[in-house]
Amino acid sequence: MHLNLPTKRYYSTGEVAKAFNVNASLIRFWDKEFEALKPKKNAKGNRRFTPEDVQNLKLIYNLVKERGYTLEGAKTYLKEQNQKSLNDFDIITKLERVRNELIKIKNQL
């Protein structure tokens, strides 16, 4: 999954929700449910997600929405595979980007 987010230190809940094409309430719900997400909060209490949080959200989105894990299953998976799964997911994401670029090139020929 490729997200169209500008390079920033922090992202608002709305920006993240728009990038994932989900409701902001789902992002807030996942923030409460998953310990891997630790967004900063400003004085008003608005969440500010770091690029690391966005990477964790990508993994959670992949597990829950694309692979069909339950929330409990995704939590268990994250606990068991914490660092290994993040590295594997990064590799998969990069390979998907390369594949999409190759398909674009093929279609242009």
N, C-alpha and C. Protein backbone atom coordinates (compact mmCIF):
# COMPACT_ATOMS: atom_id res chain seq x y z
N MET A 1 0.85 -1.17 0.00
CA MET A 1 0.00 0.00 0.00
C MET A 1 0.89 1.23 0.00
N HIS A 2 0.69 2.10 -0.95
CA HIS A 2 1.45 3.34 -1.03
C HIS A 2 0.57 4.49 -0.54
N LEU A 3 1.11 5.27 0.39
CA LEU A 3 0.37 6.39 0.94
C LEU A 3 0.88 7.69 0.35
N ASN A 4 -0.04 8.58 0.06
CA ASN A 4 0.33 9.90 -0.46
C ASN A 4 0.38 10.90 0.68
N LEU A 5 1.43 10.80 1.48
CA LEU A 5 1.62 11.72 2.59
C LEU A 5 2.89 12.54 2.33
N PRO A 6 2.84 13.84 2.57
CA PRO A 6 4.05 14.63 2.44
C PRO A 6 5.03 14.26 3.55
N THR A 7 6.30 14.55 3.35
CA THR A 7 7.30 14.26 4.36
C THR A 7 7.21 15.32 5.45
N LYS A 8 6.77 14.88 6.63
CA LYS A 8 6.60 15.77 7.77
C LYS A 8 7.00 15.04 9.04
N ARG A 9 7.17 15.80 10.11
CA ARG A 9 7.46 15.18 11.40
C ARG A 9 6.20 14.61 12.04
N TYR A 10 5.10 15.30 11.88
CA TYR A 10 3.84 14.88 12.50
C TYR A 10 2.69 15.00 11.50
N TYR A 11 1.74 14.08 11.63
CA TYR A 11 0.54 14.08 10.80
C TYR A 11 -0.68 14.12 11.71
N SER A 12 -1.69 14.84 11.29
CA SER A 12 -2.94 14.88 12.06
C SER A 12 -3.73 13.60 11.80
N THR A 13 -4.70 13.36 12.64
CA THR A 13 -5.57 12.19 12.48
C THR A 13 -6.28 12.24 11.14
N GLY A 14 -6.74 13.42 10.74
CA GLY A 14 -7.44 13.58 9.47
C GLY A 14 -6.55 13.26 8.28
N GLU A 15 -5.29 13.70 8.32
CA GLU A 15 -4.36 13.42 7.23
C GLU A 15 -4.11 11.92 7.10
N VAL A 16 -3.93 11.28 8.24
CA VAL A 16 -3.66 9.84 8.23
C VAL A 16 -4.90 9.07 7.74
N ALA A 17 -6.06 9.48 8.22
CA ALA A 17 -7.30 8.80 7.81
C ALA A 17 -7.52 8.95 6.31
N LYS A 18 -7.26 10.14 5.78
CA LYS A 18 -7.43 10.37 4.34
C LYS A 18 -6.45 9.52 3.55
N ALA A 19 -5.21 9.41 4.02
CA ALA A 19 -4.20 8.61 3.33
C ALA A 19 -4.59 7.13 3.28
N PHE A 20 -5.19 6.63 4.36
CA PHE A 20 -5.62 5.23 4.41
C PHE A 20 -7.02 5.02 3.85
N ASN A 21 -7.71 6.12 3.53
CA ASN A 21 -9.07 6.06 3.00
C ASN A 21 -10.03 5.39 3.98
N VAL A 22 -9.91 5.80 5.26
CA VAL A 22 -10.80 5.31 6.31
C VAL A 22 -11.30 6.50 7.11
N ASN A 23 -12.26 6.27 7.99
CA ASN A 23 -12.75 7.33 8.87
C ASN A 23 -11.73 7.64 9.96
N ALA A 24 -11.71 8.89 10.39
CA ALA A 24 -10.81 9.30 11.47
C ALA A 24 -11.13 8.54 12.75
N SER A 25 -12.39 8.16 12.93
CA SER A 25 -12.77 7.42 14.14
C SER A 25 -12.08 6.06 14.19
N LEU A 26 -11.83 5.45 13.04
CA LEU A 26 -11.13 4.16 13.02
C LEU A 26 -9.68 4.34 13.46
N ILE A 27 -9.04 5.41 13.03
CA ILE A 27 -7.67 5.68 13.43
C ILE A 27 -7.61 5.91 14.95
N ARG A 28 -8.56 6.68 15.48
CA ARG A 28 -8.61 6.92 16.93
C ARG A 28 -8.86 5.61 17.68
N PHE A 29 -9.73 4.77 17.14
CA PHE A 29 -10.02 3.48 17.77
C PHE A 29 -8.77 2.61 17.79
N TRP A 30 -8.06 2.51 16.66
CA TRP A 30 -6.84 1.71 16.61
C TRP A 30 -5.79 2.26 17.57
N ASP A 31 -5.76 3.59 17.73
CA ASP A 31 -4.81 4.19 18.67
C ASP A 31 -5.07 3.68 20.08
N LYS A 32 -6.33 3.54 20.45
CA LYS A 32 -6.67 3.04 21.79
C LYS A 32 -6.40 1.55 21.92
N GLU A 33 -6.57 0.80 20.84
CA GLU A 33 -6.49 -0.66 20.90
C GLU A 33 -5.06 -1.20 20.80
N PHE A 34 -4.19 -0.55 20.04
CA PHE A 34 -2.87 -1.09 19.76
C PHE A 34 -1.79 -0.32 20.50
N GLU A 35 -0.98 -1.04 21.27
CA GLU A 35 0.09 -0.42 22.03
C GLU A 35 1.21 0.10 21.13
N ALA A 36 1.32 -0.43 19.91
CA ALA A 36 2.37 -0.01 19.00
C ALA A 36 2.20 1.45 18.56
N LEU A 37 0.99 1.96 18.65
CA LEU A 37 0.72 3.34 18.27
C LEU A 37 0.86 4.24 19.49
N LYS A 38 1.73 5.21 19.36
CA LYS A 38 1.96 6.15 20.47
C LYS A 38 2.02 7.58 19.93
N PRO A 39 0.92 8.08 19.40
CA PRO A 39 0.96 9.44 18.87
C PRO A 39 1.10 10.46 19.98
N LYS A 40 1.76 11.55 19.67
CA LYS A 40 1.87 12.66 20.61
C LYS A 40 0.54 13.40 20.62
N LYS A 41 0.26 14.07 21.72
CA LYS A 41 -0.96 14.88 21.79
C LYS A 41 -0.57 16.31 22.09
N ASN A 42 -1.21 17.24 21.39
CA ASN A 42 -0.93 18.65 21.64
C ASN A 42 -1.76 19.14 22.82
N ALA A 43 -1.70 20.43 23.11
CA ALA A 43 -2.39 21.00 24.27
C ALA A 43 -3.91 20.77 24.21
N LYS A 44 -4.46 20.74 23.01
CA LYS A 44 -5.90 20.51 22.84
C LYS A 44 -6.28 19.04 22.93
N GLY A 45 -5.28 18.16 22.90
CA GLY A 45 -5.55 16.73 22.94
C GLY A 45 -5.62 16.09 21.58
N ASN A 46 -5.32 16.84 20.52
CA ASN A 46 -5.31 16.29 19.16
C ASN A 46 -4.10 15.39 18.98
N ARG A 47 -4.31 14.26 18.33
CA ARG A 47 -3.22 13.32 18.10
C ARG A 47 -2.34 13.82 16.96
N ARG A 48 -1.04 13.62 17.12
CA ARG A 48 -0.04 13.92 16.09
C ARG A 48 0.78 12.66 15.88
N PHE A 49 0.60 12.05 14.71
CA PHE A 49 1.25 10.78 14.40
C PHE A 49 2.62 11.02 13.76
N THR A 50 3.62 10.30 14.23
CA THR A 50 4.97 10.37 13.67
C THR A 50 5.05 9.43 12.46
N PRO A 51 6.09 9.57 11.63
CA PRO A 51 6.25 8.60 10.54
C PRO A 51 6.33 7.15 11.03
N GLU A 52 6.89 6.94 12.22
CA GLU A 52 6.93 5.59 12.79
C GLU A 52 5.53 5.09 13.10
N ASP A 53 4.68 5.96 13.62
CA ASP A 53 3.29 5.59 13.87
C ASP A 53 2.58 5.24 12.57
N VAL A 54 2.88 5.99 11.51
CA VAL A 54 2.26 5.72 10.21
C VAL A 54 2.70 4.34 9.70
N GLN A 55 3.98 3.99 9.91
CA GLN A 55 4.45 2.65 9.52
C GLN A 55 3.69 1.57 10.30
N ASN A 56 3.51 1.80 11.59
CA ASN A 56 2.76 0.84 12.40
C ASN A 56 1.30 0.76 11.94
N LEU A 57 0.73 1.90 11.58
CA LEU A 57 -0.64 1.90 11.05
C LEU A 57 -0.73 1.13 9.74
N LYS A 58 0.30 1.24 8.90
CA LYS A 58 0.33 0.46 7.65
C LYS A 58 0.26 -1.02 7.95
N LEU A 59 1.06 -1.44 8.94
CA LEU A 59 1.08 -2.85 9.31
C LEU A 59 -0.27 -3.28 9.87
N ILE A 60 -0.84 -2.47 10.75
CA ILE A 60 -2.16 -2.80 11.33
C ILE A 60 -3.21 -2.85 10.23
N TYR A 61 -3.20 -1.88 9.33
CA TYR A 61 -4.15 -1.85 8.22
C TYR A 61 -4.01 -3.12 7.39
N ASN A 62 -2.77 -3.49 7.10
CA ASN A 62 -2.52 -4.69 6.30
C ASN A 62 -3.07 -5.92 7.00
N LEU A 63 -2.83 -6.05 8.29
CA LEU A 63 -3.29 -7.22 9.02
C LEU A 63 -4.81 -7.28 9.11
N VAL A 64 -5.43 -6.16 9.46
CA VAL A 64 -6.87 -6.16 9.73
C VAL A 64 -7.69 -6.07 8.45
N LYS A 65 -7.37 -5.12 7.59
CA LYS A 65 -8.21 -4.86 6.41
C LYS A 65 -7.87 -5.76 5.22
N GLU A 66 -6.58 -6.02 5.00
CA GLU A 66 -6.20 -6.77 3.81
C GLU A 66 -6.07 -8.27 4.05
N ARG A 67 -5.57 -8.65 5.22
CA ARG A 67 -5.39 -10.06 5.51
C ARG A 67 -6.54 -10.66 6.31
N GLY A 68 -7.41 -9.83 6.86
CA GLY A 68 -8.59 -10.32 7.55
C GLY A 68 -8.38 -10.77 8.99
N TYR A 69 -7.33 -10.30 9.63
CA TYR A 69 -7.11 -10.65 11.03
C TYR A 69 -8.17 -9.97 11.90
N THR A 70 -8.52 -10.61 13.01
CA THR A 70 -9.34 -9.94 14.01
C THR A 70 -8.42 -8.99 14.78
N LEU A 71 -9.01 -8.10 15.56
CA LEU A 71 -8.18 -7.18 16.34
C LEU A 71 -7.30 -7.95 17.33
N GLU A 72 -7.87 -8.95 17.97
CA GLU A 72 -7.07 -9.75 18.91
C GLU A 72 -5.96 -10.50 18.18
N GLY A 73 -6.28 -11.02 17.01
CA GLY A 73 -5.27 -11.72 16.22
C GLY A 73 -4.15 -10.79 15.79
N ALA A 74 -4.50 -9.58 15.39
CA ALA A 74 -3.49 -8.60 14.99
C ALA A 74 -2.63 -8.20 16.18
N LYS A 75 -3.24 -8.04 17.35
CA LYS A 75 -2.47 -7.69 18.55
C LYS A 75 -1.47 -8.79 18.88
N THR A 76 -1.94 -10.03 18.82
CA THR A 76 -1.07 -11.18 19.10
C THR A 76 0.06 -11.24 18.09
N TYR A 77 -0.26 -11.05 16.83
CA TYR A 77 0.75 -11.08 15.77
C TYR A 77 1.80 -10.01 16.01
N LEU A 78 1.36 -8.80 16.37
CA LEU A 78 2.30 -7.71 16.61
C LEU A 78 3.20 -8.00 17.81
N LYS A 79 2.65 -8.60 18.84
CA LYS A 79 3.47 -8.91 20.02
C LYS A 79 4.50 -9.98 19.70
N GLU A 80 4.09 -11.00 18.94
CA GLU A 80 4.99 -12.10 18.63
C GLU A 80 6.05 -11.71 17.60
N GLN A 81 5.66 -10.92 16.65
CA GLN A 81 6.53 -10.62 15.52
C GLN A 81 7.02 -9.18 15.52
N ASN A 82 7.01 -8.51 16.64
CA ASN A 82 7.18 -7.06 16.73
C ASN A 82 8.21 -6.51 15.74
N GLN A 83 9.46 -6.66 15.97
CA GLN A 83 10.46 -6.04 15.11
C GLN A 83 10.58 -6.77 13.78
N LYS A 84 10.53 -8.09 13.80
CA LYS A 84 10.66 -8.88 12.58
C LYS A 84 9.56 -8.53 11.58
N SER A 85 8.33 -8.38 12.05
CA SER A 85 7.22 -8.10 11.15
C SER A 85 7.33 -6.72 10.54
N LEU A 86 7.85 -5.75 11.30
CA LEU A 86 8.02 -4.41 10.73
C LEU A 86 9.03 -4.44 9.61
N ASN A 87 10.14 -5.16 9.81
CA ASN A 87 11.15 -5.25 8.76
C ASN A 87 10.60 -6.00 7.54
N ASP A 88 9.90 -7.10 7.77
CA ASP A 88 9.31 -7.85 6.66
C ASP A 88 8.30 -7.00 5.91
N PHE A 89 7.48 -6.25 6.64
CA PHE A 89 6.47 -5.43 6.00
C PHE A 89 7.12 -4.32 5.17
N ASP A 90 8.22 -3.75 5.66
CA ASP A 90 8.94 -2.73 4.89
C ASP A 90 9.45 -3.31 3.58
N ILE A 91 9.98 -4.51 3.64
CA ILE A 91 10.49 -5.17 2.43
C ILE A 91 9.35 -5.43 1.46
N ILE A 92 8.23 -5.93 1.96
CA ILE A 92 7.07 -6.21 1.10
C ILE A 92 6.57 -4.93 0.46
N THR A 93 6.51 -3.86 1.23
CA THR A 93 6.05 -2.57 0.70
C THR A 93 6.95 -2.08 -0.42
N LYS A 94 8.25 -2.19 -0.22
CA LYS A 94 9.20 -1.76 -1.26
C LYS A 94 9.06 -2.61 -2.51
N LEU A 95 8.90 -3.92 -2.33
CA LEU A 95 8.74 -4.80 -3.48
C LEU A 95 7.45 -4.50 -4.24
N GLU A 96 6.39 -4.18 -3.52
CA GLU A 96 5.13 -3.82 -4.19
C GLU A 96 5.30 -2.55 -5.00
N ARG A 97 6.05 -1.57 -4.46
CA ARG A 97 6.31 -0.33 -5.20
C ARG A 97 7.09 -0.61 -6.48
N VAL A 98 8.12 -1.47 -6.37
CA VAL A 98 8.92 -1.82 -7.54
C VAL A 98 8.04 -2.53 -8.57
N ARG A 99 7.20 -3.44 -8.11
CA ARG A 99 6.30 -4.18 -9.02
C ARG A 99 5.37 -3.22 -9.76
N ASN A 100 4.79 -2.26 -9.02
CA ASN A 100 3.89 -1.29 -9.65
C ASN A 100 4.62 -0.46 -10.70
N GLU A 101 5.85 -0.06 -10.40
CA GLU A 101 6.64 0.71 -11.38
C GLU A 101 6.93 -0.13 -12.62
N LEU A 102 7.26 -1.40 -12.42
CA LEU A 102 7.55 -2.28 -13.56
C LEU A 102 6.30 -2.49 -14.42
N ILE A 103 5.15 -2.59 -13.77
CA ILE A 103 3.90 -2.73 -14.53
C ILE A 103 3.64 -1.48 -15.35
N LYS A 104 3.89 -0.32 -14.77
CA LYS A 104 3.71 0.95 -15.51
C LYS A 104 4.63 0.99 -16.72
N ILE A 105 5.87 0.59 -16.52
CA ILE A 105 6.83 0.58 -17.64
C ILE A 105 6.40 -0.40 -18.71
N LYS A 106 5.94 -1.57 -18.30
CA LYS A 106 5.48 -2.58 -19.26
C LYS A 106 4.32 -2.06 -20.08
N ASN A 107 3.37 -1.36 -19.41
CA ASN A 107 2.21 -0.84 -20.12
C ASN A 107 2.58 0.28 -21.08
N GLN A 108 3.66 0.98 -20.80
CA GLN A 108 4.10 2.06 -21.70
C GLN A 108 4.77 1.52 -22.96
N LEU A 109 5.28 0.30 -22.90
CA LEU A 109 5.96 -0.28 -24.07
C LEU A 109 5.01 -0.68 -25.15
